[in-house]
C-alpha atoms as a PDB file:
ATOM      1  CA  MET A   1     -18.706  12.512  -7.777  1.00  0.00           C
ATOM      2  CA  TRP A   2     -17.181  16.115  -7.835  1.00  0.00           C
ATOM      3  CA  HIS A   3     -18.860  18.739  -5.733  1.00  0.00           C
ATOM      4  CA  GLU A   4     -18.030  22.398  -5.228  1.00  0.00           C
ATOM      5  CA  ASP A   5     -17.557  23.764  -1.790  1.00  0.00           C
ATOM      6  CA  LYS A   6     -15.600  26.854  -0.577  1.00  0.00           C
ATOM      7  CA  ASN A   7     -14.367  27.785  -3.998  1.00  0.00           C
ATOM      8  CA  ARG A   8     -13.015  24.526  -4.917  1.00  0.00           C
ATOM      9  CA  LEU A   9     -13.964  21.460  -6.695  1.00  0.00           C
ATOM     10  CA  GLN A  10     -13.346  18.319  -4.410  1.00  0.00           C
ATOM     11  CA  ALA A  11     -14.087  14.543  -4.745  1.00  0.00           C
ATOM     12  CA  THR A  12     -12.926  11.510  -3.007  1.00  0.00           C
ATOM     13  CA  PHE A  13     -11.597   8.378  -4.933  1.00  0.00           C
ATOM     14  CA  ARG A  14     -11.305   4.901  -3.429  1.00  0.00           C
ATOM     15  CA  PHE A  15      -9.149   2.017  -4.654  1.00  0.00           C
ATOM     16  CA  ARG A  16      -8.310  -1.665  -4.003  1.00  0.00           C
ATOM     17  CA  ASP A  17      -5.057  -0.859  -2.017  1.00  0.00           C
ATOM     18  CA  PHE A  18      -2.321   1.563  -1.775  1.00  0.00           C
ATOM     19  CA  VAL A  19      -0.558   0.565  -5.093  1.00  0.00           C
ATOM     20  CA  GLU A  20      -3.541   1.333  -7.123  1.00  0.00           C
ATOM     21  CA  ALA A  21      -4.267   4.510  -5.472  1.00  0.00           C
ATOM     22  CA  PHE A  22      -0.532   5.593  -6.236  1.00  0.00           C
ATOM     23  CA  ALA A  23      -0.809   4.413  -9.678  1.00  0.00           C
ATOM     24  CA  PHE A  24      -3.901   6.608 -10.148  1.00  0.00           C
ATOM     25  CA  MET A  25      -2.145   9.620  -8.640  1.00  0.00           C
ATOM     26  CA  THR A  26       0.748   9.096 -11.059  1.00  0.00           C
ATOM     27  CA  GLU A  27      -1.420   8.958 -14.012  1.00  0.00           C
ATOM     28  CA  VAL A  28      -3.246  12.293 -12.959  1.00  0.00           C
ATOM     29  CA  ALA A  29       0.168  13.991 -12.256  1.00  0.00           C
ATOM     30  CA  PHE A  30       1.168  13.334 -15.766  1.00  0.00           C
ATOM     31  CA  HIS A  31      -2.144  14.811 -17.271  1.00  0.00           C
ATOM     32  CA  ALA A  32      -1.926  17.806 -14.610  1.00  0.00           C
ATOM     33  CA  GLU A  33       1.655  18.580 -15.795  1.00  0.00           C
ATOM     34  CA  LYS A  34       0.506  18.787 -19.319  1.00  0.00           C
ATOM     35  CA  GLN A  35      -2.101  21.241 -18.353  1.00  0.00           C
ATOM     36  CA  ASN A  36       0.104  23.073 -16.159  1.00  0.00           C
ATOM     37  CA  HIS A  37      -2.689  22.732 -13.584  1.00  0.00           C
ATOM     38  CA  HIS A  38      -1.761  20.902 -10.287  1.00  0.00           C
ATOM     39  CA  PRO A  39      -4.080  19.675  -7.826  1.00  0.00           C
ATOM     40  CA  ASN A  40      -4.226  19.843  -4.171  1.00  0.00           C
ATOM     41  CA  TRP A  41      -4.408  16.134  -2.955  1.00  0.00           C
ATOM     42  CA  SER A  42      -3.893  13.700   0.092  1.00  0.00           C
ATOM     43  CA  ASN A  43      -3.548  10.197  -0.096  1.00  0.00           C
ATOM     44  CA  GLU A  44      -4.399   7.821   2.866  1.00  0.00           C
ATOM     45  CA  TRP A  45      -3.599   4.023   1.923  1.00  0.00           C
ATOM     46  CA  ASN A  46      -6.517   3.364  -0.758  1.00  0.00           C
ATOM     47  CA  THR A  47      -8.206   6.817  -0.464  1.00  0.00           C
ATOM     48  CA  VAL A  48      -7.096   9.831  -2.457  1.00  0.00           C
ATOM     49  CA  GLN A  49      -8.940  13.268  -1.978  1.00  0.00           C
ATOM     50  CA  ILE A  50      -8.460  15.998  -4.514  1.00  0.00           C
ATOM     51  CA  TYR A  51      -9.090  19.523  -4.243  1.00  0.00           C
ATOM     52  CA  LEU A  52      -9.103  21.875  -7.393  1.00  0.00           C
ATOM     53  CA  THR A  53      -8.924  25.428  -7.423  1.00  0.00           C
ATOM     54  CA  THR A  54      -7.259  27.939  -9.823  1.00  0.00           C
ATOM     55  CA  HIS A  55      -4.516  29.923  -7.750  1.00  0.00           C
ATOM     56  CA  ASP A  56      -3.995  32.508 -10.781  1.00  0.00           C
ATOM     57  CA  ALA A  57      -7.619  33.454 -10.691  1.00  0.00           C
ATOM     58  CA  GLY A  58      -7.756  34.111  -6.906  1.00  0.00           C
ATOM     59  CA  ASN A  59      -8.522  30.570  -5.719  1.00  0.00           C
ATOM     60  CA  ILE A  60     -11.799  30.091  -7.364  1.00  0.00           C
ATOM     61  CA  VAL A  61     -13.280  27.269  -9.586  1.00  0.00           C
ATOM     62  CA  THR A  62     -12.471  27.958 -13.270  1.00  0.00           C
ATOM     63  CA  GLU A  63     -13.040  25.986 -16.449  1.00  0.00           C
ATOM     64  CA  LYS A  64      -9.413  24.979 -16.055  1.00  0.00           C
ATOM     65  CA  ASP A  65     -10.611  22.934 -12.957  1.00  0.00           C
ATOM     66  CA  ARG A  66     -13.517  21.682 -14.629  1.00  0.00           C
ATOM     67  CA  ARG A  67     -11.505  20.373 -17.514  1.00  0.00           C
ATOM     68  CA  LEU A  68      -8.971  18.555 -15.307  1.00  0.00           C
ATOM     69  CA  ALA A  69     -11.740  17.153 -13.294  1.00  0.00           C
ATOM     70  CA  GLU A  70     -13.079  15.634 -16.369  1.00  0.00           C
ATOM     71  CA  VAL A  71      -9.818  14.035 -17.055  1.00  0.00           C
ATOM     72  CA  ILE A  72      -9.343  12.690 -13.638  1.00  0.00           C
ATOM     73  CA  GLU A  73     -13.079  10.962 -13.712  1.00  0.00           C
ATOM     74  CA  ARG A  74     -11.792   9.344 -16.903  1.00  0.00           C
ATOM     75  CA  ILE A  75      -8.768   7.952 -15.561  1.00  0.00           C
ATOM     76  CA  TYR A  76     -10.681   6.748 -12.243  1.00  0.00           C
ATOM     77  CA  LYS A  77     -13.113   4.925 -14.457  1.00  0.00           C
ATOM     78  CA  LYS A  78     -10.306   2.658 -15.452  1.00  0.00           C
ATOM     79  CA  TYR A  79      -9.737   1.645 -11.951  1.00  0.00           C
ATOM     80  CA  GLN A  80     -13.247   0.852 -11.063  1.00  0.00           C
ATOM     81  CA  ARG A  81     -14.450  -2.630 -10.495  1.00  0.00           C
ATOM     82  CA  GLY A  82     -17.815  -3.688 -11.487  1.00  0.00           C
END
């Protein structure tokens, strides 16, 4: 799901519709705030693209990014349909 490119972790998440994508982003936002680590992301209808990098470390991928990526994956699994 996640891949590292140009000193950032990135992933694309797809949902049934905009409301579901927005609910996912809201849930991720609460966890990101708790970790004081905020993703760069975009949303177009049912698709959310997330880019993680640690600005304080010179815009490289750190353990902080990997921890948030794990949380995001767990959240996303709740939205997946069989």
